[in-house]
Amino acid sequence: MAELELRHLRAICAIAEEGSVSKAAIRLGVTQPALTAQLRSIERLVGGELFRRSSNGSIPTELGRSVVRSARVVLEDMSALLATARTHTQNPAEAPLVVASSPMLFTSALIGELRAWIKCSELRTEIDSSGPALLDLISSKQADIAVFERFEGMENRTLRDVEVRTIVEEPQFVALSSDSPLAAQEEVDLIDLADLDWVVPPPDQDTMRLGFREACEKVGFTPRITHHVTEGRTAMALAAAGAVCLAQPASLSGPGFVIRPLRGAVLRLPVVLVVRMDGLLGNRRHEVFACVAHAYRSIVDRNPTYAQWWADHPEAHMDVDAALALPRPTRPT
């Protein structure tokens, strides 16, 4: 069952403090449609309307004022808890290394690479489908590095003491039923998917929400979105049943569905690495990128079609190739 998260509380408070969804979206570094969708999801969770639109902006309802008051208390308590925890960390070298990541095929390989390269007392992971939530972990100093797909509106975020680096601009593939006539093709034209039902993440977690619709409309159709799904296996099951969804290019075909590239790589999504400059790895960010590069390269050959695309487009991963050439340590340092 879905539950309220800290990012939801931050969103509610931002809307109340800014007095408008559009201004709050700029402050949070997300698009206005994404924040509106997130607000609707929050209102479903709490069971009522939190804000009413008027000529003066977004005005909290009675329920909204109550929720905002409680949200501020929770956020203040969380900040106090983190401050206390940091105060009691006597030796920074004993602090755990925290890696935040969206669910990606190379996440487990990245953990292995970091263990091989970086000496730390403990390595923890925080996995979340929401790019803004992962960036919040970095901004609040709860994570040392984060890896996720660049989300629309990220350029609006005010980021201090961090380095953002693009790993690769991934071409988006699609998953569709193995019974579909399109499954026999090596590549699929986006326009040929116009009559299918689409499976996409919820609006507040969809990193390609606007770009995807723009690409579809450019070739002449509006996607018929019938399924909002956050979990990959469910999305693939729906694809096997006759729908279609975007897929990471290193994904493999499975029971009832196939993975096919979109002709012309009409949709590309940057995968980024964010490193806290004031964190444990601030002075080792080049080594961290090398870890990411080795981890990402390890999954490319899973899908021969993606491996061929990788070979045909060296310009898309020059930084990765350069990082792969760095000498590797024999033990963590």
Protein backbone atom coordinates (compact mmCIF):
# COMPACT_ATOMS: atom_id res chain seq x y z
CA MET A 1 0.00 0.00 0.00
CA ALA A 2 1.32 3.45 -0.92
CA GLU A 3 2.36 5.66 1.97
CA LEU A 4 3.36 9.28 2.51
CA GLU A 5 7.08 9.91 2.09
CA LEU A 6 9.33 12.80 3.12
CA ARG A 7 9.36 14.08 -0.47
CA HIS A 8 5.57 14.33 -0.29
CA LEU A 9 5.80 16.39 2.90
CA ARG A 10 8.40 18.69 1.32
CA ALA A 11 6.13 19.17 -1.68
CA ILE A 12 3.12 20.08 0.48
CA CYS A 13 5.14 22.59 2.50
CA ALA A 14 6.67 24.13 -0.63
CA ILE A 15 3.23 24.71 -2.17
CA ALA A 16 1.94 26.25 1.06
CA GLU A 17 4.99 28.50 1.46
CA GLU A 18 5.20 29.60 -2.17
CA GLY A 19 1.45 30.01 -2.57
CA SER A 20 1.42 28.37 -5.99
CA VAL A 21 2.20 25.03 -7.58
CA SER A 22 4.28 26.63 -10.35
CA LYS A 23 6.55 28.51 -7.92
CA ALA A 24 6.86 25.42 -5.71
CA ALA A 25 7.84 23.36 -8.77
CA ILE A 26 10.68 25.79 -9.54
CA ARG A 27 11.85 25.64 -5.92
CA LEU A 28 11.78 21.84 -5.87
CA GLY A 29 13.36 21.52 -9.31
CA VAL A 30 10.53 19.59 -10.95
CA THR A 31 8.07 20.42 -13.70
CA GLN A 32 4.68 21.89 -12.81
CA PRO A 33 2.76 18.92 -14.31
CA ALA A 34 4.87 16.50 -12.27
CA LEU A 35 4.24 18.41 -9.04
CA THR A 36 0.52 18.67 -9.81
CA ALA A 37 0.42 14.92 -10.35
CA GLN A 38 2.29 14.37 -7.09
CA LEU A 39 -0.18 16.60 -5.25
CA ARG A 40 -3.08 14.57 -6.61
CA SER A 41 -1.39 11.37 -5.41
CA ILE A 42 -0.90 12.89 -1.94
CA GLU A 43 -4.53 13.99 -1.81
CA ARG A 44 -5.62 10.44 -2.63
CA LEU A 45 -3.46 9.15 0.22
CA VAL A 46 -4.83 11.60 2.81
CA GLY A 47 -8.38 11.34 1.52
CA GLY A 48 -9.17 14.96 0.68
CA GLU A 49 -8.30 18.18 -1.11
CA LEU A 50 -5.32 20.04 0.36
CA PHE A 51 -5.33 23.22 -1.75
CA ARG A 52 -7.90 25.23 -3.68
CA ARG A 53 -6.88 27.33 -6.67
CA SER A 54 -7.92 30.98 -6.61
CA SER A 55 -6.88 34.30 -8.11
CA ASN A 56 -4.45 34.57 -5.19
CA GLY A 57 -2.79 31.23 -5.91
CA SER A 58 -3.07 27.88 -4.12
CA ILE A 59 -4.91 28.32 -0.81
CA PRO A 60 -4.73 25.48 1.78
CA THR A 61 -8.06 23.93 2.77
CA GLU A 62 -8.79 23.20 6.42
CA LEU A 63 -7.42 19.70 5.86
CA GLY A 64 -4.47 21.21 4.03
CA ARG A 65 -3.57 23.53 6.91
CA SER A 66 -3.66 20.59 9.31
CA VAL A 67 -1.49 18.40 7.07
CA VAL A 68 1.02 21.23 6.46
CA ARG A 69 1.39 21.82 10.23
CA SER A 70 2.05 18.12 10.82
CA ALA A 71 4.39 17.92 7.83
CA ARG A 72 6.53 20.77 9.16
CA VAL A 73 6.83 19.05 12.54
CA VAL A 74 7.92 15.78 10.90
CA LEU A 75 10.48 17.53 8.67
CA GLU A 76 11.90 19.52 11.59
CA ASP A 77 12.15 16.36 13.70
CA MET A 78 13.92 14.56 10.86
CA SER A 79 16.43 17.40 10.49
CA ALA A 80 17.08 17.35 14.24
CA LEU A 81 17.53 13.57 14.18
CA LEU A 82 20.10 13.78 11.37
CA ALA A 83 21.96 16.63 13.06
CA THR A 84 22.17 14.63 16.29
CA ALA A 85 23.38 11.56 14.45
CA ARG A 86 26.15 13.52 12.71
CA THR A 87 27.21 15.10 16.00
CA HIS A 88 27.70 11.66 17.53
CA THR A 89 29.83 10.42 14.65
CA GLN A 90 33.18 10.81 16.37
CA ASN A 91 35.31 9.52 13.52
CA PRO A 92 34.22 10.54 9.99
CA ALA A 93 36.26 7.63 8.60
CA GLU A 94 33.84 5.28 10.33
CA ALA A 95 30.77 6.82 8.67
CA PRO A 96 28.99 4.51 6.22
CA LEU A 97 29.18 5.11 2.48
CA VAL A 98 25.61 5.63 1.26
CA VAL A 99 24.76 5.05 -2.41
CA ALA A 100 21.39 6.27 -3.70
CA SER A 101 20.12 4.83 -6.96
CA SER A 102 17.06 4.30 -9.05
CA PRO A 103 16.33 0.64 -9.93
CA MET A 104 18.93 0.05 -12.65
CA LEU A 105 20.42 -3.07 -14.14
CA PHE A 106 23.97 -2.07 -13.16
CA THR A 107 23.26 -1.13 -9.51
CA SER A 108 24.52 -4.41 -8.05
CA ALA A 109 27.64 -4.26 -10.23
CA LEU A 110 28.26 -0.70 -9.00
CA ILE A 111 28.13 -1.86 -5.38
CA GLY A 112 30.72 -4.52 -6.20
CA GLU A 113 32.97 -1.98 -7.91
CA LEU A 114 32.78 0.46 -4.98
CA ARG A 115 33.64 -2.33 -2.52
CA ALA A 116 36.68 -3.20 -4.65
CA TRP A 117 37.91 0.41 -4.98
CA ILE A 118 36.82 2.28 -1.87
CA LYS A 119 37.68 1.43 1.73
CA CYS A 120 34.78 2.19 4.08
CA SER A 121 33.37 0.82 7.31
CA GLU A 122 30.00 0.04 5.74
CA LEU A 123 28.28 0.46 2.38
CA ARG A 124 24.54 1.09 2.29
CA THR A 125 22.11 1.61 -0.57
CA GLU A 126 18.91 3.63 -0.91
CA ILE A 127 16.83 2.57 -3.92
CA ASP A 128 14.01 4.83 -5.11
CA SER A 129 12.25 5.23 -8.47
CA SER A 130 12.01 8.99 -7.96
CA GLY A 131 14.93 11.07 -9.23
CA PRO A 132 13.90 14.12 -7.17
CA ALA A 133 13.78 11.96 -4.02
CA LEU A 134 17.31 10.67 -4.72
CA LEU A 135 18.57 14.20 -5.27
CA ASP A 136 16.95 15.18 -1.96
CA LEU A 137 19.08 12.52 -0.25
CA ILE A 138 22.19 14.17 -1.68
CA SER A 139 21.06 17.71 -0.81
CA SER A 140 20.23 16.71 2.77
CA LYS A 141 23.60 14.90 3.06
CA GLN A 142 21.96 11.53 3.65
CA ALA A 143 23.76 10.00 0.65
CA ASP A 144 27.27 10.38 -0.75
CA ILE A 145 26.57 9.58 -4.40
CA ALA A 146 23.44 9.07 -6.48
CA VAL A 147 22.83 7.45 -9.86
CA PHE A 148 19.56 8.00 -11.69
CA GLU A 149 17.94 9.09 -14.94
CA ARG A 150 17.96 12.86 -15.37
CA PHE A 151 14.43 14.09 -14.73
CA GLU A 152 12.56 16.94 -16.37
CA GLY A 153 12.95 20.08 -14.27
CA MET A 154 16.26 19.00 -12.71
CA GLU A 155 17.91 22.08 -14.21
CA ASN A 156 15.72 24.18 -11.88
CA ARG A 157 17.26 22.67 -8.76
CA THR A 158 19.75 24.77 -6.84
CA LEU A 159 22.62 22.36 -6.19
CA ARG A 160 25.53 23.27 -3.95
CA ASP A 161 28.72 21.30 -3.27
CA VAL A 162 27.83 18.58 -5.75
CA GLU A 163 29.17 17.44 -9.11
CA VAL A 164 26.72 16.20 -11.74
CA ARG A 165 28.18 14.11 -14.54
CA THR A 166 26.41 12.32 -17.41
CA ILE A 167 27.33 8.66 -17.68
CA VAL A 168 25.59 7.92 -21.00
CA GLU A 169 22.56 9.06 -22.94
CA GLU A 170 20.69 5.78 -23.12
CA PRO A 171 18.63 5.02 -26.20
CA GLN A 172 15.22 3.81 -25.05
CA PHE A 173 14.06 0.37 -26.18
CA VAL A 174 10.52 -1.01 -25.89
CA ALA A 175 9.01 -4.19 -24.48
CA LEU A 176 6.10 -5.66 -26.40
CA SER A 177 4.27 -8.97 -26.71
CA SER A 178 6.13 -11.78 -28.43
CA ASP A 179 2.84 -12.46 -30.25
CA SER A 180 2.87 -9.02 -31.87
CA PRO A 181 3.80 -8.86 -35.57
CA LEU A 182 6.28 -6.16 -34.55
CA ALA A 183 8.22 -8.73 -32.51
CA ALA A 184 9.65 -10.15 -35.74
CA GLN A 185 11.32 -6.84 -36.59
CA GLU A 186 14.88 -5.99 -35.51
CA GLU A 187 13.84 -2.37 -34.91
CA VAL A 188 10.44 -0.80 -34.29
CA ASP A 189 9.15 2.54 -35.57
CA LEU A 190 7.53 4.60 -32.84
CA ILE A 191 4.52 5.32 -35.07
CA ASP A 192 3.80 1.57 -35.30
CA LEU A 193 3.03 1.59 -31.56
CA ALA A 194 0.30 4.23 -31.88
CA ASP A 195 -2.60 1.81 -31.44
CA LEU A 196 -1.23 0.00 -28.39
CA ASP A 197 -1.89 0.65 -24.69
CA TRP A 198 1.15 2.17 -22.98
CA VAL A 199 2.58 1.28 -19.58
CA VAL A 200 4.39 4.20 -17.92
CA PRO A 201 5.43 5.21 -14.37
CA PRO A 202 3.08 7.42 -12.32
CA PRO A 203 3.29 11.05 -13.48
CA ASP A 204 5.33 12.18 -10.47
CA GLN A 205 7.94 9.47 -11.14
CA ASP A 206 8.01 9.56 -14.95
CA THR A 207 11.41 10.98 -15.94
CA MET A 208 10.42 11.11 -19.63
CA ARG A 209 6.85 12.33 -19.24
CA LEU A 210 7.07 15.38 -21.50
CA GLY A 211 9.81 14.12 -23.81
CA PHE A 212 7.98 10.87 -24.48
CA ARG A 213 4.74 12.62 -25.41
CA GLU A 214 6.61 15.12 -27.55
CA ALA A 215 8.32 12.31 -29.48
CA CYS A 216 5.00 10.52 -30.04
CA GLU A 217 3.23 13.68 -31.18
CA LYS A 218 6.11 14.49 -33.50
CA VAL A 219 5.44 11.29 -35.46
CA GLY A 220 1.68 11.82 -35.42
CA PHE A 221 -0.05 10.30 -32.39
CA THR A 222 -0.90 10.85 -28.75
CA PRO A 223 0.04 7.82 -26.62
CA ARG A 224 -2.88 5.98 -25.06
CA ILE A 225 -1.67 5.58 -21.47
CA THR A 226 -3.76 3.00 -19.64
CA HIS A 227 -1.37 1.62 -17.01
CA HIS A 228 0.68 3.45 -14.37
CA VAL A 229 3.24 1.04 -12.92
CA THR A 230 6.31 1.49 -10.69
CA GLU A 231 7.59 -2.11 -10.76
CA GLY A 232 9.48 -3.52 -13.75
CA ARG A 233 8.15 -7.08 -13.64
CA THR A 234 4.57 -5.88 -13.66
CA ALA A 235 5.30 -3.60 -16.62
CA MET A 236 6.80 -6.51 -18.56
CA ALA A 237 3.83 -8.74 -17.70
CA LEU A 238 1.49 -6.11 -19.10
CA ALA A 239 3.67 -5.92 -22.23
CA ALA A 240 3.40 -9.70 -22.58
CA ALA A 241 -0.39 -9.28 -22.39
CA GLY A 242 -0.40 -6.90 -25.35
CA ALA A 243 0.61 -3.45 -24.04
CA VAL A 244 3.94 -1.70 -24.64
CA CYS A 245 6.43 0.07 -22.36
CA LEU A 246 9.83 1.69 -22.55
CA ALA A 247 12.74 -0.46 -21.37
CA GLN A 248 16.37 0.00 -20.42
CA PRO A 249 18.45 -0.98 -23.48
CA ALA A 250 20.37 -3.75 -21.69
CA SER A 251 17.08 -5.46 -20.76
CA LEU A 252 16.52 -9.03 -21.92
CA SER A 253 13.45 -10.52 -23.50
CA GLY A 254 11.45 -12.81 -21.24
CA PRO A 255 8.41 -15.07 -21.12
CA GLY A 256 5.81 -13.62 -23.47
CA PHE A 257 7.62 -10.38 -24.32
CA VAL A 258 10.54 -9.17 -26.42
CA ILE A 259 12.83 -6.14 -26.15
CA ARG A 260 13.30 -4.15 -29.34
CA PRO A 261 15.11 -0.86 -30.10
CA LEU A 262 13.23 2.12 -31.47
CA ARG A 263 14.46 2.89 -34.97
CA GLY A 264 16.68 5.96 -35.03
CA ALA A 265 17.05 6.07 -31.22
CA VAL A 266 14.26 8.68 -31.19
CA LEU A 267 14.19 8.67 -27.39
CA ARG A 268 17.35 9.07 -25.33
CA LEU A 269 17.55 9.51 -21.58
CA PRO A 270 20.71 10.75 -19.81
CA VAL A 271 21.85 8.63 -16.87
CA VAL A 272 23.73 10.82 -14.39
CA LEU A 273 26.09 10.45 -11.46
CA VAL A 274 25.84 12.99 -8.63
CA VAL A 275 28.69 13.16 -6.10
CA ARG A 276 28.70 15.22 -2.89
CA MET A 277 31.85 17.30 -2.94
CA ASP A 278 31.76 17.68 0.86
CA GLY A 279 31.16 13.98 1.42
CA LEU A 280 33.37 10.93 1.83
CA LEU A 281 34.09 10.70 -1.89
CA GLY A 282 34.36 14.37 -2.84
CA ASN A 283 38.10 14.11 -3.46
CA ARG A 284 37.79 10.75 -5.22
CA ARG A 285 35.07 11.55 -7.73
CA HIS A 286 37.18 10.44 -10.71
CA GLU A 287 37.64 7.03 -9.13
CA VAL A 288 33.91 6.91 -8.37
CA PHE A 289 33.14 7.64 -12.03
CA ALA A 290 35.52 4.83 -12.97
CA CYS A 291 33.54 2.49 -10.71
CA VAL A 292 30.34 3.60 -12.41
CA ALA A 293 31.92 3.17 -15.85
CA HIS A 294 33.05 -0.42 -15.15
CA ALA A 295 29.67 -1.28 -13.64
CA TYR A 296 27.72 0.17 -16.56
CA ARG A 297 29.97 -1.41 -19.19
CA SER A 298 29.46 -4.81 -17.55
CA ILE A 299 25.77 -4.86 -18.55
CA VAL A 300 26.02 -3.57 -22.12
CA ASP A 301 26.67 -7.00 -23.64
CA ARG A 302 23.61 -8.55 -21.92
CA ASN A 303 21.56 -7.47 -24.93
CA PRO A 304 23.42 -8.03 -28.25
CA THR A 305 21.34 -5.30 -29.90
CA TYR A 306 22.49 -2.77 -27.33
CA ALA A 307 26.06 -4.05 -27.61
CA GLN A 308 25.91 -3.33 -31.35
CA TRP A 309 24.48 0.16 -30.74
CA TRP A 310 27.29 0.77 -28.23
CA ALA A 311 29.89 -0.25 -30.82
CA ASP A 312 28.28 1.93 -33.50
CA HIS A 313 28.05 5.06 -31.31
CA PRO A 314 31.42 5.62 -29.56
CA GLU A 315 30.61 9.33 -29.31
CA ALA A 316 27.85 8.50 -26.80
CA HIS A 317 30.22 7.05 -24.20
CA MET A 318 33.64 8.70 -24.59
CA ASP A 319 33.83 9.58 -20.88
CA VAL A 320 33.02 5.99 -19.95
CA ASP A 321 35.74 4.68 -22.28
CA ALA A 322 38.28 7.10 -20.78
CA ALA A 323 37.37 6.02 -17.25
CA LEU A 324 37.74 2.35 -18.19
CA ALA A 325 41.38 3.02 -19.02
CA LEU A 326 42.22 4.06 -15.44
CA PRO A 327 44.42 1.58 -13.52
CA ARG A 328 42.48 -0.58 -11.08
CA PRO A 329 43.62 -1.15 -7.48
CA THR A 330 44.35 -4.63 -6.21
CA ARG A 331 42.58 -3.83 -2.92
CA PRO A 332 40.28 -1.10 -1.56
CA THR A 333 42.02 2.18 -0.75
